[in-house]
Protein backbone atom coordinates (compact mmCIF):
# COMPACT_ATOMS: atom_id res chain seq x y z
CA MET A 1 63.76 63.73 109.92
CA ILE A 2 63.15 65.75 106.78
CA LYS A 3 64.95 69.09 106.56
CA HIS A 4 62.83 71.76 104.90
CA ARG A 5 65.30 73.35 102.50
CA GLY A 6 64.81 77.07 101.97
CA PHE A 7 62.88 77.53 105.22
CA PRO A 8 64.38 80.32 107.38
CA GLY A 9 66.28 79.02 110.41
CA ARG A 10 65.35 81.92 112.66
CA LEU A 11 63.80 85.36 112.77
CA PRO A 12 66.47 87.72 111.39
CA GLY A 13 68.28 89.71 114.07
CA THR A 14 66.92 87.62 116.96
CA ASP A 15 67.37 84.30 118.70
CA PHE A 16 63.83 83.15 117.81
CA GLN A 17 64.45 79.75 116.27
CA PHE A 18 62.29 78.38 113.42
CA THR A 19 64.13 75.11 112.67
CA ILE A 20 66.36 72.62 114.45
CA ARG A 21 69.62 71.26 113.09
CA ARG A 22 69.35 67.63 114.16
CA PRO A 23 66.97 65.24 115.94
CA ASN A 24 67.03 65.41 119.73
CA PRO A 25 68.96 62.34 120.99
CA LYS A 26 66.97 62.39 124.27
CA GLY A 27 63.63 62.14 122.46
CA VAL A 28 61.37 64.20 120.25
CA THR A 29 60.00 67.41 121.78
CA PRO A 30 56.21 67.15 121.58
CA ILE A 31 54.06 69.79 119.91
CA THR A 32 51.54 71.16 122.42
CA ARG A 33 49.06 74.00 122.24
CA ARG A 34 50.40 77.13 123.99
CA GLU A 35 48.08 79.96 124.93
CA ARG A 36 48.83 83.34 123.38
CA PHE A 37 47.79 86.08 125.78
CA ARG A 38 47.14 89.69 124.71
CA ASP A 39 50.04 90.98 126.82
CA ARG A 40 52.74 89.04 124.92
CA ARG A 41 55.79 91.06 124.02
CA PRO A 42 55.94 92.61 120.52
CA PRO A 43 59.04 90.55 119.55
CA ASP A 44 57.14 87.34 120.37
CA LYS A 45 54.19 88.46 118.25
CA ARG A 46 56.54 89.38 115.40
CA ALA A 47 58.17 85.92 115.56
CA ASP A 48 54.73 84.28 115.28
CA LEU A 49 53.88 86.46 112.28
CA TRP A 50 57.13 85.72 110.46
CA PHE A 51 56.90 81.99 111.21
CA MET A 52 53.33 81.90 109.87
CA ALA A 53 54.42 83.77 106.73
CA ALA A 54 57.30 81.33 106.19
CA LEU A 55 54.93 78.36 106.60
CA TRP A 56 52.50 79.88 104.09
CA ILE A 57 55.23 80.62 101.53
CA GLN A 58 56.79 77.16 101.93
CA PHE A 59 53.66 74.97 102.13
CA GLY A 60 50.55 76.99 101.24
CA ASP A 61 47.34 75.09 101.90
CA GLN A 62 48.98 71.66 101.43
CA PRO A 63 49.79 69.18 104.24
CA PHE A 64 53.41 69.21 105.37
CA GLU A 65 55.69 67.09 107.50
CA ARG A 66 56.86 68.46 110.85
CA GLY A 67 60.46 67.51 110.06
CA ASN A 68 63.00 69.99 111.37
CA LEU A 69 60.46 72.71 112.25
CA ASP A 70 60.92 73.87 115.84
CA ALA A 71 58.32 72.31 118.19
CA GLY A 72 58.31 75.36 120.46
CA ARG A 73 57.54 77.76 117.63
CA LEU A 74 54.91 75.38 116.15
CA SER A 75 53.28 75.10 119.57
CA TRP A 76 52.39 78.81 119.57
CA LEU A 77 50.28 78.20 116.43
CA PHE A 78 49.17 74.61 117.03
CA GLY A 79 45.46 73.99 117.48
CA ARG A 80 44.52 77.34 115.92
CA GLU A 81 46.37 78.27 112.72
CA VAL A 82 48.26 74.96 112.35
CA LEU A 83 46.25 71.77 112.74
CA PRO A 84 47.11 68.06 112.79
CA PHE A 85 46.52 66.38 109.44
CA ASP A 86 47.15 62.79 110.58
CA ASP A 87 44.51 60.82 112.44
CA PRO A 88 45.65 59.75 114.95
CA PHE A 89 48.19 62.54 115.40
CA ASP A 90 51.45 61.81 117.22
CA PRO A 91 52.87 65.08 118.64
CA GLU A 92 56.25 63.37 119.19
CA ASP A 93 56.81 62.22 115.59
CA TYR A 94 59.10 64.09 113.20
CA GLU A 95 57.06 62.58 110.33
CA ALA A 96 53.71 63.85 111.66
CA GLN A 97 51.68 65.71 109.06
CA LEU A 98 50.32 69.21 109.74
CA ILE A 99 48.21 71.64 107.71
CA ILE A 100 47.53 75.38 107.88
CA ASP A 101 43.95 76.38 108.70
CA VAL A 102 43.95 79.16 106.12
CA GLU A 103 40.87 81.00 107.43
CA ALA A 104 42.12 81.05 111.03
CA ALA A 105 45.63 82.04 109.93
CA GLN A 106 44.32 84.91 107.79
CA ARG A 107 42.26 86.22 110.72
CA SER A 108 45.22 86.03 113.13
CA PHE A 109 48.02 87.10 110.79
CA PRO A 110 46.63 89.00 107.78
CA GLU A 111 50.06 90.53 107.07
CA ALA A 112 51.50 87.04 106.47
CA PHE A 113 49.25 86.61 103.44
CA GLU A 114 49.74 90.00 101.81
CA LEU A 115 51.94 90.24 98.75
CA GLY A 116 55.53 90.16 99.94
CA GLY A 117 54.70 89.13 103.51
CA PRO A 118 55.68 90.97 106.68
CA TRP A 119 59.28 91.69 105.58
CA GLN A 120 58.21 94.31 103.07
């Protein structure tokens, strides 16, 4: 499992996790598409925004390996802003390749793409 150096481990001041420390000995947590409803709490929305900004800063429009990125956090973006790059895609593989759908991500999280990102 590749560890993405320089990627934030969590949303500052919260317990929203962005990365994992080590592979799960019981098996890889699969990435699944989770529905984001309009009534989600503001902290959840902020975590999505910051995670998207971190993905954009780290990888841009290039494919990237899942590696130590948290499956739960990826699942909130998967199928919309983050798409599978591999064909066939294995949602339980730490080496699976993903890519940002830039147009969809800019529509959903415009602040993530502004100069300086959401932490300005």
